PDB file of all heavy atoms in Angstrom:
ATOM      1  N   ASP A   1      -4.174 -29.935 -83.169  1.00  0.00           N
ATOM      2  CA  ASP A   1      -4.573 -31.130 -83.916  1.00  0.00           C
ATOM      3  C   ASP A   1      -3.296 -31.822 -84.340  1.00  0.00           C
ATOM      4  O   ASP A   1      -2.662 -31.592 -85.312  1.00  0.00           O
ATOM      5  CB  ASP A   1      -5.272 -30.583 -85.243  1.00  0.00           C
ATOM      6  CG  ASP A   1      -5.856 -31.743 -86.085  1.00  0.00           C
ATOM      7  OD1 ASP A   1      -5.795 -32.857 -85.551  1.00  0.00           O
ATOM      8  OD2 ASP A   1      -6.040 -31.614 -87.280  1.00  0.00           O
ATOM      9  N   GLY A   2      -2.919 -32.801 -83.506  1.00  0.00           N
ATOM     10  CA  GLY A   2      -1.696 -33.438 -83.704  1.00  0.00           C
ATOM     11  C   GLY A   2      -0.471 -32.508 -83.488  1.00  0.00           C
ATOM     12  O   GLY A   2      -0.409 -31.892 -82.443  1.00  0.00           O
ATOM     13  N   ASN A   3       0.325 -32.296 -84.373  1.00  0.00           N
ATOM     14  CA  ASN A   3       1.411 -31.393 -84.286  1.00  0.00           C
ATOM     15  C   ASN A   3       0.995 -29.981 -84.877  1.00  0.00           C
ATOM     16  O   ASN A   3       1.786 -29.123 -84.775  1.00  0.00           O
ATOM     17  CB  ASN A   3       2.634 -31.947 -84.975  1.00  0.00           C
ATOM     18  CG  ASN A   3       3.349 -33.018 -84.192  1.00  0.00           C
ATOM     19  OD1 ASN A   3       3.295 -32.939 -82.949  1.00  0.00           O
ATOM     20  ND2 ASN A   3       3.835 -34.011 -84.959  1.00  0.00           N
ATOM     21  N   ASP A   4      -0.113 -29.870 -85.483  1.00  0.00           N
ATOM     22  CA  ASP A   4      -0.658 -28.685 -86.036  1.00  0.00           C
ATOM     23  C   ASP A   4      -1.446 -27.895 -85.006  1.00  0.00           C
ATOM     24  O   ASP A   4      -1.995 -28.469 -84.075  1.00  0.00           O
ATOM     25  CB  ASP A   4      -1.542 -28.869 -87.297  1.00  0.00           C
ATOM     26  CG  ASP A   4      -0.836 -29.547 -88.450  1.00  0.00           C
ATOM     27  OD1 ASP A   4       0.512 -29.417 -88.527  1.00  0.00           O
ATOM     28  OD2 ASP A   4      -1.398 -30.053 -89.431  1.00  0.00           O
ATOM     29  N   LEU A   5      -1.456 -26.639 -85.267  1.00  0.00           N
ATOM     30  CA  LEU A   5      -2.281 -25.678 -84.510  1.00  0.00           C
ATOM     31  C   LEU A   5      -3.395 -25.099 -85.434  1.00  0.00           C
ATOM     32  O   LEU A   5      -3.078 -24.877 -86.604  1.00  0.00           O
ATOM     33  CB  LEU A   5      -1.566 -24.635 -83.845  1.00  0.00           C
ATOM     34  CG  LEU A   5      -0.531 -25.059 -82.734  1.00  0.00           C
ATOM     35  CD1 LEU A   5       0.212 -23.876 -82.294  1.00  0.00           C
ATOM     36  CD2 LEU A   5      -1.271 -25.684 -81.568  1.00  0.00           C
ATOM     37  N   VAL A   6      -4.535 -24.848 -84.866  1.00  0.00           N
ATOM     38  CA  VAL A   6      -5.591 -24.182 -85.646  1.00  0.00           C
ATOM     39  C   VAL A   6      -5.984 -22.995 -84.901  1.00  0.00           C
ATOM     40  O   VAL A   6      -6.194 -22.948 -83.673  1.00  0.00           O
ATOM     41  CB  VAL A   6      -6.835 -25.185 -85.874  1.00  0.00           C
ATOM     42  CG1 VAL A   6      -7.854 -24.572 -86.739  1.00  0.00           C
ATOM     43  CG2 VAL A   6      -6.304 -26.529 -86.433  1.00  0.00           C
ATOM     44  N   THR A   7      -6.273 -21.906 -85.594  1.00  0.00           N
ATOM     45  CA  THR A   7      -6.717 -20.699 -85.083  1.00  0.00           C
ATOM     46  C   THR A   7      -7.745 -19.948 -85.986  1.00  0.00           C
ATOM     47  O   THR A   7      -7.771 -20.421 -87.149  1.00  0.00           O
ATOM     48  CB  THR A   7      -5.674 -19.676 -84.760  1.00  0.00           C
ATOM     49  OG1 THR A   7      -6.187 -18.557 -83.891  1.00  0.00           O
ATOM     50  CG2 THR A   7      -4.978 -19.102 -85.950  1.00  0.00           C
ATOM     51  N   VAL A   8      -8.496 -19.119 -85.503  1.00  0.00           N
ATOM     52  CA  VAL A   8      -9.509 -18.350 -86.277  1.00  0.00           C
ATOM     53  C   VAL A   8      -9.185 -17.011 -86.441  1.00  0.00           C
ATOM     54  O   VAL A   8      -8.750 -16.329 -85.451  1.00  0.00           O
ATOM     55  CB  VAL A   8     -10.971 -18.543 -85.665  1.00  0.00           C
ATOM     56  CG1 VAL A   8     -11.960 -17.757 -86.416  1.00  0.00           C
ATOM     57  CG2 VAL A   8     -11.335 -19.967 -85.719  1.00  0.00           C
ATOM     58  N   LEU A   9      -9.347 -16.319 -87.573  1.00  0.00           N
ATOM     59  CA  LEU A   9      -8.977 -14.977 -87.841  1.00  0.00           C
ATOM     60  C   LEU A   9     -10.366 -14.219 -88.382  1.00  0.00           C
ATOM     61  O   LEU A   9     -10.876 -14.620 -89.264  1.00  0.00           O
ATOM     62  CB  LEU A   9      -7.881 -14.799 -88.885  1.00  0.00           C
ATOM     63  CG  LEU A   9      -7.509 -13.380 -89.225  1.00  0.00           C
ATOM     64  CD1 LEU A   9      -6.911 -12.687 -88.081  1.00  0.00           C
ATOM     65  CD2 LEU A   9      -6.576 -13.356 -90.387  1.00  0.00           C
ATOM     66  N   ASP A  10     -10.759 -13.317 -87.534  1.00  0.00           N
ATOM     67  CA  ASP A  10     -12.004 -12.573 -87.909  1.00  0.00           C
ATOM     68  C   ASP A  10     -11.648 -11.557 -89.052  1.00  0.00           C
ATOM     69  O   ASP A  10     -10.782 -10.794 -88.864  1.00  0.00           O
ATOM     70  CB  ASP A  10     -12.552 -11.756 -86.709  1.00  0.00           C
ATOM     71  CG  ASP A  10     -13.202 -12.738 -85.686  1.00  0.00           C
ATOM     72  OD1 ASP A  10     -13.510 -13.918 -86.047  1.00  0.00           O
ATOM     73  OD2 ASP A  10     -13.296 -12.367 -84.477  1.00  0.00           O
ATOM     74  N   VAL A  11     -12.422 -11.664 -90.100  1.00  0.00           N
ATOM     75  CA  VAL A  11     -12.174 -10.849 -91.304  1.00  0.00           C
ATOM     76  C   VAL A  11     -13.580 -10.085 -91.658  1.00  0.00           C
ATOM     77  O   VAL A  11     -14.529 -10.794 -92.018  1.00  0.00           O
ATOM     78  CB  VAL A  11     -11.695 -11.620 -92.436  1.00  0.00           C
ATOM     79  CG1 VAL A  11     -11.362 -10.726 -93.721  1.00  0.00           C
ATOM     80  CG2 VAL A  11     -10.475 -12.440 -92.126  1.00  0.00           C
ATOM     81  N   PRO A  12     -13.536  -8.760 -91.618  1.00  0.00           N
ATOM     82  CA  PRO A  12     -14.797  -8.222 -92.063  1.00  0.00           C
ATOM     83  C   PRO A  12     -15.145  -8.502 -93.536  1.00  0.00           C
ATOM     84  O   PRO A  12     -14.175  -8.620 -94.325  1.00  0.00           O
ATOM     85  CB  PRO A  12     -14.469  -6.667 -91.929  1.00  0.00           C
ATOM     86  CG  PRO A  12     -13.435  -6.664 -90.910  1.00  0.00           C
ATOM     87  CD  PRO A  12     -12.682  -7.880 -91.136  1.00  0.00           C
ATOM     88  N   ALA A  13     -16.411  -8.650 -93.949  1.00  0.00           N
ATOM     89  CA  ALA A  13     -16.778  -9.020 -95.198  1.00  0.00           C
ATOM     90  C   ALA A  13     -16.190  -8.159 -96.325  1.00  0.00           C
ATOM     91  O   ALA A  13     -15.678  -8.607 -97.344  1.00  0.00           O
ATOM     92  CB  ALA A  13     -18.345  -9.125 -95.350  1.00  0.00           C
ATOM     93  N   PRO A  14     -16.107  -6.805 -96.179  1.00  0.00           N
ATOM     94  CA  PRO A  14     -15.571  -6.042 -97.227  1.00  0.00           C
ATOM     95  C   PRO A  14     -14.165  -6.229 -97.379  1.00  0.00           C
ATOM     96  O   PRO A  14     -13.593  -6.285 -98.548  1.00  0.00           O
ATOM     97  CB  PRO A  14     -15.853  -4.633 -96.847  1.00  0.00           C
ATOM     98  CG  PRO A  14     -17.003  -4.653 -95.822  1.00  0.00           C
ATOM     99  CD  PRO A  14     -16.914  -6.013 -95.154  1.00  0.00           C
ATOM    100  N   VAL A  15     -13.427  -6.474 -96.262  1.00  0.00           N
ATOM    101  CA  VAL A  15     -11.939  -6.794 -96.407  1.00  0.00           C
ATOM    102  C   VAL A  15     -11.694  -8.094 -97.104  1.00  0.00           C
ATOM    103  O   VAL A  15     -10.799  -8.271 -97.909  1.00  0.00           O
ATOM    104  CB  VAL A  15     -11.344  -6.750 -94.957  1.00  0.00           C
ATOM    105  CG1 VAL A  15      -9.879  -7.195 -95.079  1.00  0.00           C
ATOM    106  CG2 VAL A  15     -11.509  -5.381 -94.410  1.00  0.00           C
ATOM    107  N   ALA A  16     -12.599  -9.176 -96.734  1.00  0.00           N
ATOM    108  CA  ALA A  16     -12.461 -10.504 -97.312  1.00  0.00           C
ATOM    109  C   ALA A  16     -12.686 -10.326 -98.875  1.00  0.00           C
ATOM    110  O   ALA A  16     -11.960 -11.038 -99.592  1.00  0.00           O
ATOM    111  CB  ALA A  16     -13.409 -11.501 -96.633  1.00  0.00           C
ATOM    112  N   ALA A  17     -13.669  -9.508 -99.201  1.00  0.00           N
ATOM    113  CA  ALA A  17     -13.888  -9.322-100.738  1.00  0.00           C
ATOM    114  C   ALA A  17     -12.713  -8.675-101.404  1.00  0.00           C
ATOM    115  O   ALA A  17     -12.413  -9.087-102.509  1.00  0.00           O
ATOM    116  CB  ALA A  17     -15.202  -8.540-100.810  1.00  0.00           C
ATOM    117  N   LEU A  18     -12.128  -7.682-100.766  1.00  0.00           N
ATOM    118  CA  LEU A  18     -11.053  -6.952-101.426  1.00  0.00           C
ATOM    119  C   LEU A  18      -9.685  -7.630-101.317  1.00  0.00           C
ATOM    120  O   LEU A  18      -8.883  -7.455-102.093  1.00  0.00           O
ATOM    121  CB  LEU A  18     -10.942  -5.584-100.857  1.00  0.00           C
ATOM    122  CG  LEU A  18     -12.248  -4.655-101.020  1.00  0.00           C
ATOM    123  CD1 LEU A  18     -12.026  -3.499-100.163  1.00  0.00           C
ATOM    124  CD2 LEU A  18     -12.336  -4.348-102.527  1.00  0.00           C
ATOM    125  N   GLY A  19      -9.464  -8.444-100.265  1.00  0.00           N
ATOM    126  CA  GLY A  19      -8.194  -9.006 -99.957  1.00  0.00           C
ATOM    127  C   GLY A  19      -7.281  -7.961 -99.290  1.00  0.00           C
ATOM    128  O   GLY A  19      -7.390  -6.763 -99.498  1.00  0.00           O
ATOM    129  N   THR A  20      -6.422  -8.478 -98.379  1.00  0.00           N
ATOM    130  CA  THR A  20      -5.545  -7.566 -97.603  1.00  0.00           C
ATOM    131  C   THR A  20      -4.462  -8.441 -96.844  1.00  0.00           C
ATOM    132  O   THR A  20      -4.438  -9.561 -97.043  1.00  0.00           O
ATOM    133  CB  THR A  20      -6.412  -6.801 -96.542  1.00  0.00           C
ATOM    134  OG1 THR A  20      -5.562  -5.808 -96.004  1.00  0.00           O
ATOM    135  CG2 THR A  20      -6.914  -7.697 -95.489  1.00  0.00           C
ATOM    136  N   LYS A  21      -3.654  -7.649 -96.132  1.00  0.00           N
ATOM    137  CA  LYS A  21      -2.654  -8.313 -95.287  1.00  0.00           C
ATOM    138  C   LYS A  21      -2.907  -8.097 -93.832  1.00  0.00           C
ATOM    139  O   LYS A  21      -3.183  -6.883 -93.416  1.00  0.00           O
ATOM    140  CB  LYS A  21      -1.271  -7.702 -95.629  1.00  0.00           C
ATOM    141  CG  LYS A  21      -0.118  -8.299 -94.702  1.00  0.00           C
ATOM    142  CD  LYS A  21       1.176  -7.767 -95.185  1.00  0.00           C
ATOM    143  CE  LYS A  21       1.348  -6.286 -94.734  1.00  0.00           C
ATOM    144  NZ  LYS A  21       2.675  -5.726 -95.029  1.00  0.00           N
ATOM    145  N   LEU A  22      -3.145  -9.199 -93.043  1.00  0.00           N
ATOM    146  CA  LEU A  22      -3.506  -9.072 -91.686  1.00  0.00           C
ATOM    147  C   LEU A  22      -2.487  -9.758 -90.776  1.00  0.00           C
ATOM    148  O   LEU A  22      -1.846 -10.806 -91.129  1.00  0.00           O
ATOM    149  CB  LEU A  22      -4.894  -9.627 -91.335  1.00  0.00           C
ATOM    150  CG  LEU A  22      -6.042  -8.936 -91.986  1.00  0.00           C
ATOM    151  CD1 LEU A  22      -7.351  -9.730 -91.690  1.00  0.00           C
ATOM    152  CD2 LEU A  22      -6.144  -7.489 -91.486  1.00  0.00           C
ATOM    153  N   ALA A  23      -2.282  -9.293 -89.581  1.00  0.00           N
ATOM    154  CA  ALA A  23      -1.262  -9.958 -88.647  1.00  0.00           C
ATOM    155  C   ALA A  23      -2.044 -10.997 -87.856  1.00  0.00           C
ATOM    156  O   ALA A  23      -3.178 -10.840 -87.413  1.00  0.00           O
ATOM    157  CB  ALA A  23      -0.763  -8.967 -87.679  1.00  0.00           C
ATOM    158  N   VAL A  24      -1.479 -12.135 -87.743  1.00  0.00           N
ATOM    159  CA  VAL A  24      -2.010 -13.279 -87.041  1.00  0.00           C
ATOM    160  C   VAL A  24      -1.099 -13.684 -85.915  1.00  0.00           C
ATOM    161  O   VAL A  24       0.130 -13.962 -86.135  1.00  0.00           O
ATOM    162  CB  VAL A  24      -2.204 -14.509 -88.069  1.00  0.00           C
ATOM    163  CG1 VAL A  24      -2.704 -15.699 -87.248  1.00  0.00           C
ATOM    164  CG2 VAL A  24      -3.081 -14.192 -89.197  1.00  0.00           C
ATOM    165  N   PRO A  25      -1.608 -13.860 -84.650  1.00  0.00           N
ATOM    166  CA  PRO A  25      -0.798 -14.263 -83.634  1.00  0.00           C
ATOM    167  C   PRO A  25      -0.377 -15.725 -83.810  1.00  0.00           C
ATOM    168  O   PRO A  25      -1.021 -16.557 -84.240  1.00  0.00           O
ATOM    169  CB  PRO A  25      -1.700 -14.205 -82.340  1.00  0.00           C
ATOM    170  CG  PRO A  25      -2.751 -13.227 -82.757  1.00  0.00           C
ATOM    171  CD  PRO A  25      -2.941 -13.449 -84.217  1.00  0.00           C
ATOM    172  N   THR A  26       0.814 -16.056 -83.496  1.00  0.00           N
ATOM    173  CA  THR A  26       1.374 -17.422 -83.433  1.00  0.00           C
ATOM    174  C   THR A  26       2.116 -17.659 -82.062  1.00  0.00           C
ATOM    175  O   THR A  26       2.346 -16.675 -81.385  1.00  0.00           O
ATOM    176  CB  THR A  26       2.410 -17.645 -84.625  1.00  0.00           C
ATOM    177  OG1 THR A  26       3.658 -17.033 -84.334  1.00  0.00           O
ATOM    178  CG2 THR A  26       1.885 -17.103 -85.972  1.00  0.00           C
ATOM    179  N   LEU A  27       2.613 -18.838 -81.787  1.00  0.00           N
ATOM    180  CA  LEU A  27       3.366 -19.036 -80.571  1.00  0.00           C
ATOM    181  C   LEU A  27       4.694 -18.337 -80.614  1.00  0.00           C
ATOM    182  O   LEU A  27       5.290 -18.116 -79.575  1.00  0.00           O
ATOM    183  CB  LEU A  27       3.580 -20.575 -80.488  1.00  0.00           C
ATOM    184  CG  LEU A  27       2.380 -21.387 -80.105  1.00  0.00           C
ATOM    185  CD1 LEU A  27       2.716 -22.846 -80.024  1.00  0.00           C
ATOM    186  CD2 LEU A  27       1.754 -20.921 -78.811  1.00  0.00           C
ATOM    187  N   ASP A  28       5.131 -17.852 -81.822  1.00  0.00           N
ATOM    188  CA  ASP A  28       6.452 -17.229 -81.941  1.00  0.00           C
ATOM    189  C   ASP A  28       6.267 -15.759 -82.180  1.00  0.00           C
ATOM    190  O   ASP A  28       7.257 -15.004 -82.339  1.00  0.00           O
ATOM    191  CB  ASP A  28       7.157 -17.795 -83.150  1.00  0.00           C
ATOM    192  CG  ASP A  28       7.310 -19.285 -83.009  1.00  0.00           C
ATOM    193  OD1 ASP A  28       7.941 -19.723 -82.037  1.00  0.00           O
ATOM    194  OD2 ASP A  28       6.862 -19.984 -83.964  1.00  0.00           O
ATOM    195  N   GLY A  29       4.993 -15.169 -81.982  1.00  0.00           N
ATOM    196  CA  GLY A  29       4.757 -13.722 -82.191  1.00  0.00           C
ATOM    197  C   GLY A  29       3.941 -13.542 -83.395  1.00  0.00           C
ATOM    198  O   GLY A  29       3.635 -14.509 -84.131  1.00  0.00           O
ATOM    199  N   ALA A  30       3.452 -12.333 -83.685  1.00  0.00           N
ATOM    200  CA  ALA A  30       2.635 -12.028 -84.788  1.00  0.00           C
ATOM    201  C   ALA A  30       3.287 -12.219 -86.101  1.00  0.00           C
ATOM    202  O   ALA A  30       4.506 -11.986 -86.297  1.00  0.00           O
ATOM    203  CB  ALA A  30       2.116 -10.602 -84.725  1.00  0.00           C
ATOM    204  N   GLU A  31       2.509 -12.741 -87.004  1.00  0.00           N
ATOM    205  CA  GLU A  31       3.050 -12.914 -88.402  1.00  0.00           C
ATOM    206  C   GLU A  31       1.945 -12.475 -89.480  1.00  0.00           C
ATOM    207  O   GLU A  31       0.820 -12.812 -89.203  1.00  0.00           O
ATOM    208  CB  GLU A  31       3.463 -14.400 -88.638  1.00  0.00           C
ATOM    209  CG  GLU A  31       4.130 -14.630 -89.981  1.00  0.00           C
ATOM    210  CD  GLU A  31       4.995 -15.972 -89.855  1.00  0.00           C
ATOM    211  OE1 GLU A  31       5.498 -16.351 -88.860  1.00  0.00           O
ATOM    212  OE2 GLU A  31       4.993 -16.676 -90.902  1.00  0.00           O
ATOM    213  N   ASP A  32       2.305 -11.865 -90.485  1.00  0.00           N
ATOM    214  CA  ASP A  32       1.401 -11.491 -91.621  1.00  0.00           C
ATOM    215  C   ASP A  32       0.897 -12.593 -92.431  1.00  0.00           C
ATOM    216  O   ASP A  32       1.677 -13.548 -92.830  1.00  0.00           O
ATOM    217  CB  ASP A  32       2.029 -10.439 -92.487  1.00  0.00           C
ATOM    218  CG  ASP A  32       2.376  -9.162 -91.818  1.00  0.00           C
ATOM    219  OD1 ASP A  32       1.625  -8.857 -90.734  1.00  0.00           O
ATOM    220  OD2 ASP A  32       3.160  -8.408 -92.174  1.00  0.00           O
ATOM    221  N   VAL A  33      -0.439 -12.509 -92.755  1.00  0.00           N
ATOM    222  CA  VAL A  33      -1.097 -13.426 -93.656  1.00  0.00           C
ATOM    223  C   VAL A  33      -1.701 -12.717 -94.773  1.00  0.00           C
ATOM    224  O   VAL A  33      -2.401 -11.549 -94.479  1.00  0.00           O
ATOM    225  CB  VAL A  33      -2.207 -14.317 -92.951  1.00  0.00           C
ATOM    226  CG1 VAL A  33      -2.980 -15.051 -93.932  1.00  0.00           C
ATOM    227  CG2 VAL A  33      -1.645 -15.225 -91.922  1.00  0.00           C
ATOM    228  N   HIS A  34      -1.457 -12.895 -95.955  1.00  0.00           N
ATOM    229  CA  HIS A  34      -1.963 -12.283 -97.139  1.00  0.00           C
ATOM    230  C   HIS A  34      -3.273 -13.000 -97.628  1.00  0.00           C
ATOM    231  O   HIS A  34      -3.143 -14.010 -98.090  1.00  0.00           O
ATOM    232  CB  HIS A  34      -0.942 -12.295 -98.326  1.00  0.00           C
ATOM    233  CG  HIS A  34       0.303 -11.482 -97.981  1.00  0.00           C
ATOM    234  ND1 HIS A  34       0.412 -10.093 -98.235  1.00  0.00           N
ATOM    235  CD2 HIS A  34       1.492 -11.822 -97.383  1.00  0.00           C
ATOM    236  CE1 HIS A  34       1.614  -9.664 -97.870  1.00  0.00           C
ATOM    237  NE2 HIS A  34       2.231 -10.715 -97.328  1.00  0.00           N
ATOM    238  N   LEU A  35      -4.368 -12.282 -97.292  1.00  0.00           N
ATOM    239  CA  LEU A  35      -5.661 -12.820 -97.694  1.00  0.00           C
ATOM    240  C   LEU A  35      -5.946 -12.508 -99.128  1.00  0.00           C
ATOM    241  O   LEU A  35      -5.807 -11.307 -99.555  1.00  0.00           O
ATOM    242  CB  LEU A  35      -6.755 -12.254 -96.918  1.00  0.00           C
ATOM    243  CG  LEU A  35      -6.698 -12.383 -95.327  1.00  0.00           C
ATOM    244  CD1 LEU A  35      -7.870 -11.826 -94.597  1.00  0.00           C
ATOM    245  CD2 LEU A  35      -6.631 -13.871 -95.026  1.00  0.00           C
ATOM    246  N   ARG A  36      -6.330 -13.432 -99.942  1.00  0.00           N
ATOM    247  CA  ARG A  36      -6.664 -13.291-101.316  1.00  0.00           C
ATOM    248  C   ARG A  36      -7.981 -12.616-101.466  1.00  0.00           C
ATOM    249  O   ARG A  36      -8.895 -12.764-100.587  1.00  0.00           O
ATOM    250  CB  ARG A  36      -6.786 -14.660-102.023  1.00  0.00           C
ATOM    251  CG  ARG A  36      -5.432 -15.510-102.052  1.00  0.00           C
ATOM    252  CD  ARG A  36      -5.630 -16.866-102.761  1.00  0.00           C
ATOM    253  NE  ARG A  36      -6.445 -17.718-101.928  1.00  0.00           N
ATOM    254  CZ  ARG A  36      -5.922 -18.515-101.013  1.00  0.00           C
ATOM    255  NH1 ARG A  36      -4.569 -18.405-100.792  1.00  0.00           N
ATOM    256  NH2 ARG A  36      -6.749 -19.345-100.213  1.00  0.00           N
ATOM    257  N   PRO A  37      -8.169 -11.800-102.480  1.00  0.00           N
ATOM    258  CA  PRO A  37      -9.465 -11.209-102.781  1.00  0.00           C
ATOM    259  C   PRO A  37     -10.568 -12.290-102.926  1.00  0.00           C
ATOM    260  O   PRO A  37     -10.335 -13.382-103.564  1.00  0.00           O
ATOM    261  CB  PRO A  37      -9.326 -10.406-104.039  1.00  0.00           C
ATOM    262  CG  PRO A  37      -7.794 -10.083-104.173  1.00  0.00           C
ATOM    263  CD  PRO A  37      -7.130 -11.295-103.506  1.00  0.00           C
ATOM    264  N   GLY A  38     -11.764 -11.981-102.359  1.00  0.00           N
ATOM    265  CA  GLY A  38     -12.797 -13.036-102.441  1.00  0.00           C
ATOM    266  C   GLY A  38     -12.613 -14.074-101.433  1.00  0.00           C
ATOM    267  O   GLY A  38     -13.218 -15.271-101.647  1.00  0.00           O
ATOM    268  N   THR A  39     -11.905 -13.922-100.373  1.00  0.00           N
ATOM    269  CA  THR A  39     -11.711 -14.967 -99.384  1.00  0.00           C
ATOM    270  C   THR A  39     -13.138 -15.334 -98.807  1.00  0.00           C
ATOM    271  O   THR A  39     -13.850 -14.457 -98.432  1.00  0.00           O
ATOM    272  CB  THR A  39     -10.850 -14.465 -98.205  1.00  0.00           C
ATOM    273  OG1 THR A  39      -9.557 -14.351 -98.650  1.00  0.00           O
ATOM    274  CG2 THR A  39     -10.902 -15.486 -97.130  1.00  0.00           C
ATOM    275  N   GLN A  40     -13.410 -16.657 -98.670  1.00  0.00           N
ATOM    276  CA  GLN A  40     -14.673 -17.195 -98.301  1.00  0.00           C
ATOM    277  C   GLN A  40     -14.622 -17.565 -96.776  1.00  0.00           C
ATOM    278  O   GLN A  40     -13.546 -17.882 -96.218  1.00  0.00           O
ATOM    279  CB  GLN A  40     -15.099 -18.325 -99.153  1.00  0.00           C
ATOM    280  CG  GLN A  40     -15.230 -18.088-100.684  1.00  0.00           C
ATOM    281  CD  GLN A  40     -16.354 -17.056-100.918  1.00  0.00           C
ATOM    282  OE1 GLN A  40     -17.472 -17.247-100.518  1.00  0.00           O
ATOM    283  NE2 GLN A  40     -15.956 -15.935-101.460  1.00  0.00           N
ATOM    284  N   PRO A  41     -15.894 -17.678 -96.179  1.00  0.00           N
ATOM    285  CA  PRO A  41     -15.951 -18.077 -94.800  1.00  0.00           C
ATOM    286  C   PRO A  41     -15.348 -19.564 -94.667  1.00  0.00           C
ATOM    287  O   PRO A  41     -15.626 -20.436 -95.536  1.00  0.00           O
ATOM    288  CB  PRO A  41     -17.421 -18.124 -94.511  1.00  0.00           C
ATOM    289  CG  PRO A  41     -17.980 -17.098 -95.393  1.00  0.00           C
ATOM    290  CD  PRO A  41     -17.171 -17.174 -96.686  1.00  0.00           C
ATOM    291  N   GLY A  42     -14.487 -19.807 -93.690  1.00  0.00           N
ATOM    292  CA  GLY A  42     -13.914 -21.101 -93.493  1.00  0.00           C
ATOM    293  C   GLY A  42     -12.705 -21.403 -94.325  1.00  0.00           C
ATOM    294  O   GLY A  42     -12.048 -22.465 -94.241  1.00  0.00           O
ATOM    295  N   GLU A  43     -12.326 -20.491 -95.239  1.00  0.00           N
ATOM    296  CA  GLU A  43     -11.098 -20.672 -96.062  1.00  0.00           C
ATOM    297  C   GLU A  43      -9.877 -20.723 -95.152  1.00  0.00           C
ATOM    298  O   GLU A  43      -9.837 -19.921 -94.175  1.00  0.00           O
ATOM    299  CB  GLU A  43     -11.032 -19.685 -97.082  1.00  0.00           C
ATOM    300  CG  GLU A  43      -9.970 -19.921 -98.174  1.00  0.00           C
ATOM    301  CD  GLU A  43     -10.058 -19.021 -99.343  1.00  0.00           C
ATOM    302  OE1 GLU A  43     -11.174 -18.440 -99.543  1.00  0.00           O
ATOM    303  OE2 GLU A  43      -9.080 -18.878-100.136  1.00  0.00           O
ATOM    304  N   ALA A  44      -8.984 -21.638 -95.408  1.00  0.00           N
ATOM    305  CA  ALA A  44      -7.809 -21.858 -94.635  1.00  0.00           C
ATOM    306  C   ALA A  44      -6.533 -21.293 -95.167  1.00  0.00           C
ATOM    307  O   ALA A  44      -6.418 -21.490 -96.434  1.00  0.00           O
ATOM    308  CB  ALA A  44      -7.659 -23.285 -94.276  1.00  0.00           C
ATOM    309  N   TYR A  45      -5.636 -20.701 -94.489  1.00  0.00           N
ATOM    310  CA  TYR A  45      -4.416 -20.293 -94.846  1.00  0.00           C
ATOM    311  C   TYR A  45      -3.395 -20.900 -93.966  1.00  0.00           C
ATOM    312  O   TYR A  45      -3.614 -20.999 -92.671  1.00  0.00           O
ATOM    313  CB  TYR A  45      -4.184 -18.758 -94.664  1.00  0.00           C
ATOM    314  CG  TYR A  45      -5.104 -18.047 -95.698  1.00  0.00           C
ATOM    315  CD1 TYR A  45      -6.417 -17.674 -95.517  1.00  0.00           C
ATOM    316  CD2 TYR A  45      -4.537 -17.558 -97.006  1.00  0.00           C
ATOM    317  CE1 TYR A  45      -7.178 -17.003 -96.420  1.00  0.00           C
ATOM    318  CE2 TYR A  45      -5.344 -16.924 -97.870  1.00  0.00           C
ATOM    319  CZ  TYR A  45      -6.607 -16.603 -97.583  1.00  0.00           C
ATOM    320  OH  TYR A  45      -7.472 -15.930 -98.492  1.00  0.00           O
ATOM    321  N   VAL A  46      -2.326 -21.512 -94.523  1.00  0.00           N
ATOM    322  CA  VAL A  46      -1.397 -22.334 -93.773  1.00  0.00           C
ATOM    323  C   VAL A  46      -0.059 -21.586 -93.624  1.00  0.00           C
ATOM    324  O   VAL A  46       0.464 -21.113 -94.583  1.00  0.00           O
ATOM    325  CB  VAL A  46      -1.204 -23.675 -94.421  1.00  0.00           C
ATOM    326  CG1 VAL A  46      -0.174 -24.466 -93.635  1.00  0.00           C
ATOM    327  CG2 VAL A  46      -2.484 -24.433 -94.623  1.00  0.00           C
ATOM    328  N   LEU A  47       0.357 -21.488 -92.336  1.00  0.00           N
ATOM    329  CA  LEU A  47       1.667 -21.001 -92.073  1.00  0.00           C
ATOM    330  C   LEU A  47       2.528 -22.146 -91.740  1.00  0.00           C
ATOM    331  O   LEU A  47       2.418 -22.791 -90.705  1.00  0.00           O
ATOM    332  CB  LEU A  47       1.573 -19.963 -90.876  1.00  0.00           C
ATOM    333  CG  LEU A  47       0.819 -18.733 -91.060  1.00  0.00           C
ATOM    334  CD1 LEU A  47       0.892 -17.892 -89.782  1.00  0.00           C
ATOM    335  CD2 LEU A  47       1.339 -17.904 -92.297  1.00  0.00           C
TER     336      LEU A  47
END
């Protein structure tokens, strides 16, 4: 999307409710994303 990239991260509902740290692939290798407790479907995290 222009100079931005968009990707989707599958998160099991219980994990989304509790919050956790998950590895996300990037063009430079995997990087951790800290999901907030109560993460909702479609919520975006920006690296």
